[in-house]
Amino acid sequence: MSTPAHLPAEPTPARPHLTVRHGGTVTDRLVEANRRYAADFQDPGMGAAPVLHVAVVACMDARLDLHAALGLELGDCHTIRNAGGVVTDDAIRSLTISQRALGTRSVILIHHTSCGLESLTEDFRQELEQEVGQRPAWAVESFKDVDQDVRQSMQRVRTSPFLPHTDDVRGFVFDVTTGLLREIDPAT
């Protein structure tokens, strides 16, 4: 069940900014990249409340560059990411803080094609329990129908008693091969 993480020893030629002089781990390369970033960093002078008053819940998949795909700039939105972009209790927690403490009013949900959760089942939890001796308290939230899972996530947002703003909740599927969003009708 366990899969070791195989990382390239050095970054690809297309990403020379992640090169570390004396080897090191991927984290070392990222910390070095941060040092270069911070050298030119200027405080944008903005607060934590997003300018567009929107929160985006999306999958953590590395193929989704949400800011680029949605034309967003720093400070425009809150971004909540997890495996599958599923609206879990923790996503509701973040949305509640986003709305009640930081003024967001709209919620956009983004799942995507070819999601890894489509190939998992709840058996994953049992496999973890066998491997580590403890069953996780969380559900895998796997799914076979991405459109239906978006509908379920929209429903979870709309029916949460903790969220005061549930009238502007829209769900989409991002196509990882075309970059286009396809809106999901919540009633279908």
Protein backbone atom coordinates (compact mmCIF):
# COMPACT_ATOMS: atom_id res chain seq x y z
CA MET A 1 0.00 0.00 0.00
CA SER A 2 2.80 2.43 0.80
CA THR A 3 4.49 4.12 -2.09
CA PRO A 4 7.88 5.71 -1.51
CA ALA A 5 8.17 9.24 -2.77
CA HIS A 6 10.72 9.30 -5.56
CA LEU A 7 11.93 12.81 -6.14
CA PRO A 8 14.45 13.87 -8.73
CA ALA A 9 17.87 14.63 -7.29
CA GLU A 10 17.97 17.88 -9.22
CA PRO A 11 15.23 20.00 -10.76
CA THR A 12 14.40 19.71 -14.43
CA PRO A 13 16.19 22.12 -16.79
CA ALA A 14 12.92 24.06 -17.10
CA ARG A 15 13.09 24.89 -13.37
CA PRO A 16 16.68 26.04 -12.69
CA HIS A 17 15.40 28.38 -9.94
CA LEU A 18 15.02 25.28 -7.74
CA THR A 19 18.70 24.31 -7.93
CA VAL A 20 20.60 24.08 -4.64
CA ARG A 21 24.35 24.54 -4.85
CA HIS A 22 25.31 21.53 -2.73
CA GLY A 23 22.54 19.04 -3.48
CA GLY A 24 20.09 18.79 -0.63
CA THR A 25 16.49 17.78 -0.30
CA VAL A 26 13.52 19.15 -2.17
CA THR A 27 12.69 21.14 0.98
CA ASP A 28 16.19 22.65 0.93
CA ARG A 29 15.61 23.72 -2.68
CA LEU A 30 12.26 25.28 -1.80
CA VAL A 31 13.70 27.15 1.19
CA GLU A 32 16.48 28.48 -1.05
CA ALA A 33 13.87 29.57 -3.62
CA ASN A 34 12.05 31.37 -0.81
CA ARG A 35 15.23 33.24 0.12
CA ARG A 36 15.50 34.51 -3.47
CA TYR A 37 11.80 35.44 -3.43
CA ALA A 38 12.09 37.26 -0.10
CA ALA A 39 15.09 39.26 -1.33
CA ASP A 40 12.78 41.23 -3.65
CA PHE A 41 9.59 40.89 -1.60
CA GLN A 42 7.64 44.00 -0.76
CA ASP A 43 4.77 43.94 1.72
CA PRO A 44 1.64 44.24 -0.42
CA GLY A 45 -0.05 46.12 2.42
CA MET A 46 -3.25 44.12 2.38
CA GLY A 47 -5.29 42.40 5.03
CA ALA A 48 -6.39 38.76 5.23
CA ALA A 49 -9.88 39.41 3.85
CA PRO A 50 -10.03 38.59 0.14
CA VAL A 51 -10.74 41.52 -2.15
CA LEU A 52 -13.32 39.59 -4.23
CA HIS A 53 -15.10 38.16 -1.16
CA VAL A 54 -14.85 34.65 -2.57
CA ALA A 55 -13.55 31.35 -1.25
CA VAL A 56 -12.46 28.60 -3.62
CA VAL A 57 -12.51 24.97 -2.48
CA ALA A 58 -10.45 22.82 -4.84
CA CYS A 59 -8.48 19.63 -5.15
CA MET A 60 -4.84 19.66 -4.09
CA ASP A 61 -3.81 18.13 -7.44
CA ALA A 62 -0.55 19.70 -8.63
CA ARG A 63 -1.96 20.19 -12.14
CA LEU A 64 -4.39 22.89 -10.94
CA ASP A 65 -2.91 26.38 -10.93
CA LEU A 66 -6.02 28.04 -9.56
CA HIS A 67 -4.83 31.63 -9.67
CA ALA A 68 -3.84 31.33 -13.32
CA ALA A 69 -6.92 29.32 -14.30
CA LEU A 70 -9.30 31.82 -12.69
CA GLY A 71 -7.37 35.01 -13.48
CA LEU A 72 -6.81 35.75 -9.79
CA GLU A 73 -4.20 37.95 -8.20
CA LEU A 74 -2.67 37.82 -4.73
CA GLY A 75 -5.32 38.82 -2.20
CA ASP A 76 -8.34 38.11 -4.42
CA CYS A 77 -9.63 34.94 -2.74
CA HIS A 78 -9.30 32.38 -0.01
CA THR A 79 -8.14 29.03 -1.33
CA ILE A 80 -9.02 25.84 0.54
CA ARG A 81 -7.47 22.69 -0.92
CA ASN A 82 -7.67 19.03 -0.06
CA ALA A 83 -7.70 15.64 -1.77
CA GLY A 84 -10.57 15.77 -4.25
CA GLY A 85 -11.70 19.29 -3.35
CA VAL A 86 -14.34 17.59 -1.22
CA VAL A 87 -16.35 19.66 1.25
CA THR A 88 -15.39 17.94 4.50
CA ASP A 89 -15.87 19.13 8.09
CA ASP A 90 -12.49 20.83 7.87
CA ALA A 91 -13.47 22.60 4.63
CA ILE A 92 -16.66 23.79 6.37
CA ARG A 93 -14.48 25.00 9.25
CA SER A 94 -12.33 27.05 6.87
CA LEU A 95 -15.36 28.37 4.95
CA THR A 96 -17.03 29.38 8.22
CA ILE A 97 -13.98 31.38 9.30
CA SER A 98 -13.69 32.82 5.78
CA GLN A 99 -17.30 34.01 5.79
CA ARG A 100 -17.89 34.96 9.41
CA ALA A 101 -14.49 36.48 10.26
CA LEU A 102 -13.19 37.65 6.88
CA GLY A 103 -16.22 38.64 4.83
CA THR A 104 -16.45 36.18 1.96
CA ARG A 105 -19.89 35.72 0.44
CA SER A 106 -19.36 33.47 -2.58
CA VAL A 107 -18.09 29.89 -2.76
CA ILE A 108 -16.64 28.22 -5.84
CA LEU A 109 -16.03 24.46 -5.76
CA ILE A 110 -13.58 22.94 -8.23
CA HIS A 111 -13.07 19.23 -8.78
CA HIS A 112 -11.23 17.96 -11.87
CA THR A 113 -11.00 15.21 -14.44
CA SER A 114 -8.68 12.25 -13.81
CA CYS A 115 -8.76 12.72 -10.04
CA GLY A 116 -6.86 10.22 -7.93
CA LEU A 117 -9.86 9.83 -5.61
CA GLU A 118 -11.72 8.12 -8.46
CA SER A 119 -9.33 5.16 -8.16
CA LEU A 120 -9.48 4.83 -4.37
CA THR A 121 -12.14 3.26 -2.17
CA GLU A 122 -12.87 3.35 1.52
CA ASP A 123 -10.74 0.16 1.67
CA PHE A 124 -7.81 2.59 1.78
CA ARG A 125 -8.67 3.23 5.45
CA GLN A 126 -8.63 -0.49 6.22
CA GLU A 127 -5.28 -0.87 4.48
CA LEU A 128 -3.91 1.98 6.60
CA GLU A 129 -5.24 0.34 9.72
CA GLN A 130 -3.53 -2.93 8.81
CA GLU A 131 -0.27 -1.15 8.08
CA VAL A 132 -0.05 1.22 11.04
CA GLY A 133 -2.36 -0.38 13.59
CA GLN A 134 -4.84 2.48 13.77
CA ARG A 135 -7.82 3.29 11.56
CA PRO A 136 -8.02 6.94 10.51
CA ALA A 137 -10.98 8.88 11.87
CA TRP A 138 -11.48 10.57 8.51
CA ALA A 139 -13.27 9.22 5.44
CA VAL A 140 -11.41 8.86 2.17
CA GLU A 141 -14.33 10.56 0.35
CA SER A 142 -13.57 8.64 -2.84
CA PHE A 143 -16.01 8.86 -5.73
CA LYS A 144 -16.73 7.37 -9.15
CA ASP A 145 -18.79 10.24 -10.63
CA VAL A 146 -17.03 13.61 -10.40
CA ASP A 147 -20.18 15.56 -11.37
CA GLN A 148 -22.18 13.91 -8.59
CA ASP A 149 -19.41 14.57 -6.09
CA VAL A 150 -19.46 18.27 -7.00
CA ARG A 151 -23.24 18.25 -6.44
CA GLN A 152 -22.75 16.60 -3.05
CA SER A 153 -20.15 19.20 -2.08
CA MET A 154 -22.45 22.04 -3.17
CA GLN A 155 -25.22 20.54 -1.04
CA ARG A 156 -22.93 20.28 1.98
CA VAL A 157 -22.11 23.98 1.68
CA ARG A 158 -25.72 25.03 1.11
CA THR A 159 -27.02 23.09 4.11
CA SER A 160 -24.31 23.92 6.64
CA PRO A 161 -25.81 25.75 9.61
CA PHE A 162 -22.46 27.49 10.16
CA LEU A 163 -22.37 29.31 6.81
CA PRO A 164 -24.49 32.47 6.58
CA HIS A 165 -23.89 32.98 2.84
CA THR A 166 -25.06 30.00 0.79
CA ASP A 167 -26.93 31.68 -2.05
CA ASP A 168 -23.85 32.03 -4.33
CA VAL A 169 -22.37 28.52 -4.32
CA ARG A 170 -21.29 27.17 -7.71
CA GLY A 171 -19.48 23.99 -8.66
CA PHE A 172 -17.20 23.14 -11.56
CA VAL A 173 -15.09 20.38 -13.03
CA PHE A 174 -11.69 21.51 -14.34
CA ASP A 175 -10.53 19.55 -17.39
CA VAL A 176 -6.83 18.81 -16.83
CA THR A 177 -6.23 18.38 -20.58
CA THR A 178 -7.92 21.58 -21.83
CA GLY A 179 -7.79 23.88 -18.80
CA LEU A 180 -11.51 24.65 -19.12
CA LEU A 181 -14.07 24.70 -16.35
CA ARG A 182 -17.40 22.94 -16.87
CA GLU A 183 -20.17 24.13 -14.57
CA ILE A 184 -22.22 21.50 -12.77
CA ASP A 185 -25.97 21.95 -12.48
CA PRO A 186 -26.83 21.26 -8.84
CA ALA A 187 -30.28 19.91 -9.74
CA THR A 188 -29.30 17.26 -12.27
